[in-house]
Structures are given as structure tokens and as C-alpha cells.
Amino acid sequence: MPLLEVRALTRHYYGVHALRGVDLSIEEGRITGLIGPNGAGKTTLFNCITGLVPPHSGSVLFNGRTITFWL
């Protein structure tokens, strides 16, 4: 079972899609990097995972429990 799992996460700003159906799975004990060009949505993804910005759809699970809208 993954420690952190992101399922079909979406987020948009005024019609511009920053995240469109992002799926991510991170296993416990692994070091994982996220790379991409400027404007690819890396910061938006991080902000949705941490709860700083709510996603429009999708879910974030930590250790099997949904943490999508905890804040």
C-alpha cells in the first residue's frame, strides 16, 4: 500500500487547468522527485496535497485515509 496516493486530482484557475487528472503513488521509504517545466503545475500539486489550496475534484490519501479536505 502506498504511503501517499493522489487520484484524479484537478485544479483550475479562471478556466486555465493547472492540474488535470493527476495520479501519483509514493511508496514508504522511497525518495521521490517531481520535475517539469515552469507552469507545469508542480507547486499547485504540492499546494493541493498539503491542503493549502483545495482541489476541484479528485482525492489525496495518506496511509490509506482520505486527507483531501482536512483544512
PDB file of N, CA and C in Angstrom:
ATOM      1  N   MET A   1       0.849  -1.187   0.000  1.00  0.00           N
ATOM      2  CA  MET A   1       0.000   0.000   0.000  1.00  0.00           C
ATOM      3  C   MET A   1       0.891   1.244   0.000  1.00  0.00           C
ATOM      4  N   PRO A   2       0.610   2.216  -0.869  1.00  0.00           N
ATOM      5  CA  PRO A   2       1.411   3.445  -0.908  1.00  0.00           C
ATOM      6  C   PRO A   2       1.179   4.303   0.329  1.00  0.00           C
ATOM      7  N   LEU A   3       2.206   5.037   0.722  1.00  0.00           N
ATOM      8  CA  LEU A   3       2.083   5.955   1.855  1.00  0.00           C
ATOM      9  C   LEU A   3       1.271   7.186   1.448  1.00  0.00           C
ATOM     10  N   LEU A   4       1.537   7.713   0.255  1.00  0.00           N
ATOM     11  CA  LEU A   4       0.812   8.871  -0.263  1.00  0.00           C
ATOM     12  C   LEU A   4       0.280   8.520  -1.642  1.00  0.00           C
ATOM     13  N   GLU A   5      -1.001   8.782  -1.847  1.00  0.00           N
ATOM     14  CA  GLU A   5      -1.624   8.485  -3.137  1.00  0.00           C
ATOM     15  C   GLU A   5      -2.516   9.650  -3.556  1.00  0.00           C
ATOM     16  N   VAL A   6      -2.352  10.076  -4.784  1.00  0.00           N
ATOM     17  CA  VAL A   6      -3.160  11.137  -5.374  1.00  0.00           C
ATOM     18  C   VAL A   6      -3.958  10.509  -6.506  1.00  0.00           C
ATOM     19  N   ARG A   7      -5.268  10.744  -6.515  1.00  0.00           N
ATOM     20  CA  ARG A   7      -6.141  10.123  -7.513  1.00  0.00           C
ATOM     21  C   ARG A   7      -6.952  11.180  -8.259  1.00  0.00           C
ATOM     22  N   ALA A   8      -6.739  11.258  -9.561  1.00  0.00           N
ATOM     23  CA  ALA A   8      -7.547  12.097 -10.468  1.00  0.00           C
ATOM     24  C   ALA A   8      -7.706  13.530  -9.974  1.00  0.00           C
ATOM     25  N   LEU A   9      -6.640  14.127  -9.475  1.00  0.00           N
ATOM     26  CA  LEU A   9      -6.692  15.473  -8.908  1.00  0.00           C
ATOM     27  C   LEU A   9      -6.793  16.525 -10.011  1.00  0.00           C
ATOM     28  N   THR A  10      -7.735  17.445  -9.860  1.00  0.00           N
ATOM     29  CA  THR A  10      -7.873  18.556 -10.799  1.00  0.00           C
ATOM     30  C   THR A  10      -7.956  19.867 -10.044  1.00  0.00           C
ATOM     31  N   ARG A  11      -7.424  20.898 -10.675  1.00  0.00           N
ATOM     32  CA  ARG A  11      -7.496  22.255 -10.131  1.00  0.00           C
ATOM     33  C   ARG A  11      -7.369  23.218 -11.310  1.00  0.00           C
ATOM     34  N   HIS A  12      -8.229  24.218 -11.340  1.00  0.00           N
ATOM     35  CA  HIS A  12      -8.127  25.218 -12.402  1.00  0.00           C
ATOM     36  C   HIS A  12      -8.299  26.603 -11.809  1.00  0.00           C
ATOM     37  N   TYR A  13      -7.761  27.571 -12.518  1.00  0.00           N
ATOM     38  CA  TYR A  13      -7.849  28.969 -12.121  1.00  0.00           C
ATOM     39  C   TYR A  13      -8.450  29.746 -13.283  1.00  0.00           C
ATOM     40  N   TYR A  14      -9.673  30.207 -13.119  1.00  0.00           N
ATOM     41  CA  TYR A  14     -10.354  31.036 -14.117  1.00  0.00           C
ATOM     42  C   TYR A  14     -10.319  30.391 -15.499  1.00  0.00           C
ATOM     43  N   GLY A  15     -10.613  29.109 -15.562  1.00  0.00           N
ATOM     44  CA  GLY A  15     -10.682  28.401 -16.830  1.00  0.00           C
ATOM     45  C   GLY A  15      -9.383  27.775 -17.310  1.00  0.00           C
ATOM     46  N   VAL A  16      -8.267  28.118 -16.676  1.00  0.00           N
ATOM     47  CA  VAL A  16      -6.970  27.541 -17.053  1.00  0.00           C
ATOM     48  C   VAL A  16      -6.707  26.337 -16.151  1.00  0.00           C
ATOM     49  N   HIS A  17      -6.532  25.170 -16.736  1.00  0.00           N
ATOM     50  CA  HIS A  17      -6.316  23.940 -15.971  1.00  0.00           C
ATOM     51  C   HIS A  17      -4.862  23.840 -15.519  1.00  0.00           C
ATOM     52  N   ALA A  18      -4.650  23.950 -14.209  1.00  0.00           N
ATOM     53  CA  ALA A  18      -3.305  23.776 -13.648  1.00  0.00           C
ATOM     54  C   ALA A  18      -3.029  22.295 -13.424  1.00  0.00           C
ATOM     55  N   LEU A  19      -4.048  21.539 -13.010  1.00  0.00           N
ATOM     56  CA  LEU A  19      -3.951  20.094 -12.826  1.00  0.00           C
ATOM     57  C   LEU A  19      -5.149  19.453 -13.507  1.00  0.00           C
ATOM     58  N   ARG A  20      -4.893  18.415 -14.271  1.00  0.00           N
ATOM     59  CA  ARG A  20      -5.983  17.755 -14.985  1.00  0.00           C
ATOM     60  C   ARG A  20      -5.824  16.237 -14.837  1.00  0.00           C
ATOM     61  N   GLY A  21      -6.469  15.680 -13.810  1.00  0.00           N
ATOM     62  CA  GLY A  21      -6.467  14.233 -13.622  1.00  0.00           C
ATOM     63  C   GLY A  21      -5.135  13.654 -13.189  1.00  0.00           C
ATOM     64  N   VAL A  22      -4.474  14.289 -12.239  1.00  0.00           N
ATOM     65  CA  VAL A  22      -3.151  13.830 -11.784  1.00  0.00           C
ATOM     66  C   VAL A  22      -3.295  12.588 -10.904  1.00  0.00           C
ATOM     67  N   ASP A  23      -2.532  11.557 -11.234  1.00  0.00           N
ATOM     68  CA  ASP A  23      -2.432  10.340 -10.431  1.00  0.00           C
ATOM     69  C   ASP A  23      -0.984  10.183  -9.997  1.00  0.00           C
ATOM     70  N   LEU A  24      -0.777   9.901  -8.705  1.00  0.00           N
ATOM     71  CA  LEU A  24       0.566   9.788  -8.154  1.00  0.00           C
ATOM     72  C   LEU A  24       0.534   8.801  -7.001  1.00  0.00           C
ATOM     73  N   SER A  25       1.544   7.966  -6.915  1.00  0.00           N
ATOM     74  CA  SER A  25       1.635   6.995  -5.841  1.00  0.00           C
ATOM     75  C   SER A  25       3.067   6.977  -5.327  1.00  0.00           C
ATOM     76  N   ILE A  26       3.234   7.171  -4.022  1.00  0.00           N
ATOM     77  CA  ILE A  26       4.566   7.211  -3.418  1.00  0.00           C
ATOM     78  C   ILE A  26       4.638   6.158  -2.329  1.00  0.00           C
ATOM     79  N   GLU A  27       5.586   5.267  -2.465  1.00  0.00           N
ATOM     80  CA  GLU A  27       5.781   4.183  -1.501  1.00  0.00           C
ATOM     81  C   GLU A  27       6.566   4.670  -0.283  1.00  0.00           C
ATOM     82  N   GLU A  28       6.305   4.073   0.846  1.00  0.00           N
ATOM     83  CA  GLU A  28       7.026   4.390   2.081  1.00  0.00           C
ATOM     84  C   GLU A  28       8.493   3.993   1.930  1.00  0.00           C
ATOM     85  N   GLY A  29       9.395   4.848   2.438  1.00  0.00           N
ATOM     86  CA  GLY A  29      10.813   4.566   2.408  1.00  0.00           C
ATOM     87  C   GLY A  29      11.499   4.935   1.102  1.00  0.00           C
ATOM     88  N   ARG A  30      10.785   5.530   0.184  1.00  0.00           N
ATOM     89  CA  ARG A  30      11.342   5.924  -1.112  1.00  0.00           C
ATOM     90  C   ARG A  30      11.561   7.425  -1.153  1.00  0.00           C
ATOM     91  N   ILE A  31      12.546   7.850  -1.907  1.00  0.00           N
ATOM     92  CA  ILE A  31      12.753   9.260  -2.196  1.00  0.00           C
ATOM     93  C   ILE A  31      12.190   9.502  -3.590  1.00  0.00           C
ATOM     94  N   THR A  32      11.257  10.439  -3.695  1.00  0.00           N
ATOM     95  CA  THR A  32      10.573  10.692  -4.955  1.00  0.00           C
ATOM     96  C   THR A  32      10.724  12.156  -5.328  1.00  0.00           C
ATOM     97  N   GLY A  33      11.051  12.415  -6.575  1.00  0.00           N
ATOM     98  CA  GLY A  33      11.175  13.776  -7.074  1.00  0.00           C
ATOM     99  C   GLY A  33      10.080  14.079  -8.078  1.00  0.00           C
ATOM    100  N   LEU A  34       9.759  15.343  -8.213  1.00  0.00           N
ATOM    101  CA  LEU A  34       8.765  15.799  -9.176  1.00  0.00           C
ATOM    102  C   LEU A  34       9.416  16.886 -10.011  1.00  0.00           C
ATOM    103  N   ILE A  35       9.564  16.636 -11.303  1.00  0.00           N
ATOM    104  CA  ILE A  35      10.217  17.605 -12.177  1.00  0.00           C
ATOM    105  C   ILE A  35       9.279  17.994 -13.311  1.00  0.00           C
ATOM    106  N   GLY A  36       9.519  19.143 -13.875  1.00  0.00           N
ATOM    107  CA  GLY A  36       8.737  19.616 -15.013  1.00  0.00           C
ATOM    108  C   GLY A  36       9.065  21.066 -15.283  1.00  0.00           C
ATOM    109  N   PRO A  37       8.663  21.567 -16.441  1.00  0.00           N
ATOM    110  CA  PRO A  37       8.963  22.958 -16.796  1.00  0.00           C
ATOM    111  C   PRO A  37       8.132  23.943 -15.977  1.00  0.00           C
ATOM    112  N   ASN A  38       8.513  25.203 -16.050  1.00  0.00           N
ATOM    113  CA  ASN A  38       7.743  26.259 -15.393  1.00  0.00           C
ATOM    114  C   ASN A  38       6.310  26.233 -15.922  1.00  0.00           C
ATOM    115  N   GLY A  39       5.371  26.367 -15.009  1.00  0.00           N
ATOM    116  CA  GLY A  39       3.965  26.382 -15.386  1.00  0.00           C
ATOM    117  C   GLY A  39       3.336  25.012 -15.558  1.00  0.00           C
ATOM    118  N   ALA A  40       4.050  23.949 -15.194  1.00  0.00           N
ATOM    119  CA  ALA A  40       3.530  22.596 -15.365  1.00  0.00           C
ATOM    120  C   ALA A  40       2.545  22.192 -14.274  1.00  0.00           C
ATOM    121  N   GLY A  41       2.506  22.922 -13.154  1.00  0.00           N
ATOM    122  CA  GLY A  41       1.574  22.616 -12.073  1.00  0.00           C
ATOM    123  C   GLY A  41       2.205  21.962 -10.857  1.00  0.00           C
ATOM    124  N   LYS A  42       3.527  21.964 -10.759  1.00  0.00           N
ATOM    125  CA  LYS A  42       4.207  21.322  -9.621  1.00  0.00           C
ATOM    126  C   LYS A  42       3.819  21.973  -8.298  1.00  0.00           C
ATOM    127  N   THR A  43       3.852  23.279  -8.233  1.00  0.00           N
ATOM    128  CA  THR A  43       3.506  23.988  -6.995  1.00  0.00           C
ATOM    129  C   THR A  43       2.031  23.831  -6.679  1.00  0.00           C
ATOM    130  N   THR A  44       1.179  23.875  -7.684  1.00  0.00           N
ATOM    131  CA  THR A  44      -0.255  23.675  -7.471  1.00  0.00           C
ATOM    132  C   THR A  44      -0.517  22.280  -6.926  1.00  0.00           C
ATOM    133  N   LEU A  45       0.163  21.274  -7.458  1.00  0.00           N
ATOM    134  CA  LEU A  45       0.014  19.915  -6.946  1.00  0.00           C
ATOM    135  C   LEU A  45       0.428  19.842  -5.488  1.00  0.00           C
ATOM    136  N   PHE A  46       1.583  20.396  -5.160  1.00  0.00           N
ATOM    137  CA  PHE A  46       2.064  20.399  -3.778  1.00  0.00           C
ATOM    138  C   PHE A  46       1.062  21.116  -2.866  1.00  0.00           C
ATOM    139  N   ASN A  47       0.544  22.252  -3.311  1.00  0.00           N
ATOM    140  CA  ASN A  47      -0.418  23.008  -2.504  1.00  0.00           C
ATOM    141  C   ASN A  47      -1.729  22.249  -2.305  1.00  0.00           C
ATOM    142  N   CYS A  48      -2.163  21.492  -3.295  1.00  0.00           N
ATOM    143  CA  CYS A  48      -3.373  20.675  -3.145  1.00  0.00           C
ATOM    144  C   CYS A  48      -3.130  19.495  -2.212  1.00  0.00           C
ATOM    145  N   ILE A  49      -1.963  18.885  -2.298  1.00  0.00           N
ATOM    146  CA  ILE A  49      -1.649  17.757  -1.414  1.00  0.00           C
ATOM    147  C   ILE A  49      -1.577  18.215   0.038  1.00  0.00           C
ATOM    148  N   THR A  50      -0.968  19.363   0.285  1.00  0.00           N
ATOM    149  CA  THR A  50      -0.812  19.850   1.660  1.00  0.00           C
ATOM    150  C   THR A  50      -2.061  20.523   2.211  1.00  0.00           C
ATOM    151  N   GLY A  51      -3.044  20.809   1.350  1.00  0.00           N
ATOM    152  CA  GLY A  51      -4.280  21.422   1.818  1.00  0.00           C
ATOM    153  C   GLY A  51      -4.288  22.934   1.763  1.00  0.00           C
ATOM    154  N   LEU A  52      -3.226  23.542   1.267  1.00  0.00           N
ATOM    155  CA  LEU A  52      -3.183  24.996   1.156  1.00  0.00           C
ATOM    156  C   LEU A  52      -4.218  25.500   0.158  1.00  0.00           C
ATOM    157  N   VAL A  53      -4.400  24.755  -0.940  1.00  0.00           N
ATOM    158  CA  VAL A  53      -5.386  25.080  -1.965  1.00  0.00           C
ATOM    159  C   VAL A  53      -6.250  23.837  -2.171  1.00  0.00           C
ATOM    160  N   PRO A  54      -7.568  23.960  -2.104  1.00  0.00           N
ATOM    161  CA  PRO A  54      -8.405  22.769  -2.303  1.00  0.00           C
ATOM    162  C   PRO A  54      -8.489  22.390  -3.784  1.00  0.00           C
ATOM    163  N   PRO A  55      -8.449  21.107  -4.081  1.00  0.00           N
ATOM    164  CA  PRO A  55      -8.643  20.687  -5.471  1.00  0.00           C
ATOM    165  C   PRO A  55     -10.114  20.793  -5.851  1.00  0.00           C
ATOM    166  N   HIS A  56     -10.385  20.888  -7.130  1.00  0.00           N
ATOM    167  CA  HIS A  56     -11.777  20.912  -7.580  1.00  0.00           C
ATOM    168  C   HIS A  56     -12.372  19.512  -7.623  1.00  0.00           C
ATOM    169  N   SER A  57     -11.550  18.521  -7.889  1.00  0.00           N
ATOM    170  CA  SER A  57     -12.007  17.137  -7.843  1.00  0.00           C
ATOM    171  C   SER A  57     -10.807  16.229  -7.613  1.00  0.00           C
ATOM    172  N   GLY A  58     -11.091  14.981  -7.302  1.00  0.00           N
ATOM    173  CA  GLY A  58     -10.036  14.024  -7.010  1.00  0.00           C
ATOM    174  C   GLY A  58      -9.852  13.846  -5.520  1.00  0.00           C
ATOM    175  N   SER A  59      -8.853  13.054  -5.153  1.00  0.00           N
ATOM    176  CA  SER A  59      -8.624  12.796  -3.732  1.00  0.00           C
ATOM    177  C   SER A  59      -7.149  12.604  -3.437  1.00  0.00           C
ATOM    178  N   VAL A  60      -6.809  12.879  -2.180  1.00  0.00           N
ATOM    179  CA  VAL A  60      -5.452  12.677  -1.660  1.00  0.00           C
ATOM    180  C   VAL A  60      -5.572  11.736  -0.473  1.00  0.00           C
ATOM    181  N   LEU A  61      -4.817  10.650  -0.506  1.00  0.00           N
ATOM    182  CA  LEU A  61      -4.843   9.683   0.586  1.00  0.00           C
ATOM    183  C   LEU A  61      -3.456   9.580   1.205  1.00  0.00           C
ATOM    184  N   PHE A  62      -3.430   9.553   2.532  1.00  0.00           N
ATOM    185  CA  PHE A  62      -2.184   9.352   3.267  1.00  0.00           C
ATOM    186  C   PHE A  62      -2.369   8.131   4.149  1.00  0.00           C
ATOM    187  N   ASN A  63      -1.541   7.139   3.929  1.00  0.00           N
ATOM    188  CA  ASN A  63      -1.603   5.892   4.688  1.00  0.00           C
ATOM    189  C   ASN A  63      -3.000   5.258   4.608  1.00  0.00           C
ATOM    190  N   GLY A  64      -3.624   5.385   3.424  1.00  0.00           N
ATOM    191  CA  GLY A  64      -4.928   4.777   3.205  1.00  0.00           C
ATOM    192  C   GLY A  64      -6.130   5.590   3.639  1.00  0.00           C
ATOM    193  N   ARG A  65      -5.892   6.752   4.271  1.00  0.00           N
ATOM    194  CA  ARG A  65      -7.001   7.598   4.739  1.00  0.00           C
ATOM    195  C   ARG A  65      -7.093   8.865   3.901  1.00  0.00           C
ATOM    196  N   THR A  66      -8.294   9.255   3.551  1.00  0.00           N
ATOM    197  CA  THR A  66      -8.501  10.463   2.753  1.00  0.00           C
ATOM    198  C   THR A  66      -8.179  11.702   3.583  1.00  0.00           C
ATOM    199  N   ILE A  67      -7.314  12.561   3.035  1.00  0.00           N
ATOM    200  CA  ILE A  67      -6.962  13.819   3.708  1.00  0.00           C
ATOM    201  C   ILE A  67      -7.254  15.014   2.806  1.00  0.00           C
ATOM    202  N   THR A  68      -8.081  14.830   1.792  1.00  0.00           N
ATOM    203  CA  THR A  68      -8.279  15.833   0.762  1.00  0.00           C
ATOM    204  C   THR A  68      -8.733  17.178   1.322  1.00  0.00           C
ATOM    205  N   PHE A  69      -9.700  17.204   2.193  1.00  0.00           N
ATOM    206  CA  PHE A  69     -10.254  18.473   2.673  1.00  0.00           C
ATOM    207  C   PHE A  69     -10.103  18.618   4.191  1.00  0.00           C
ATOM    208  N   TRP A  70      -8.983  18.236   4.738  1.00  0.00           N
ATOM    209  CA  TRP A  70      -8.784  18.314   6.183  1.00  0.00           C
ATOM    210  C   TRP A  70      -8.673  19.726   6.716  1.00  0.00           C
ATOM    211  N   LEU A  71      -8.175  20.651   5.928  1.00  0.00           N
ATOM    212  CA  LEU A  71      -8.008  22.025   6.444  1.00  0.00           C
ATOM    213  C   LEU A  71      -9.238  22.844   6.261  1.00  0.00           C
TER     214      LEU A  71
END
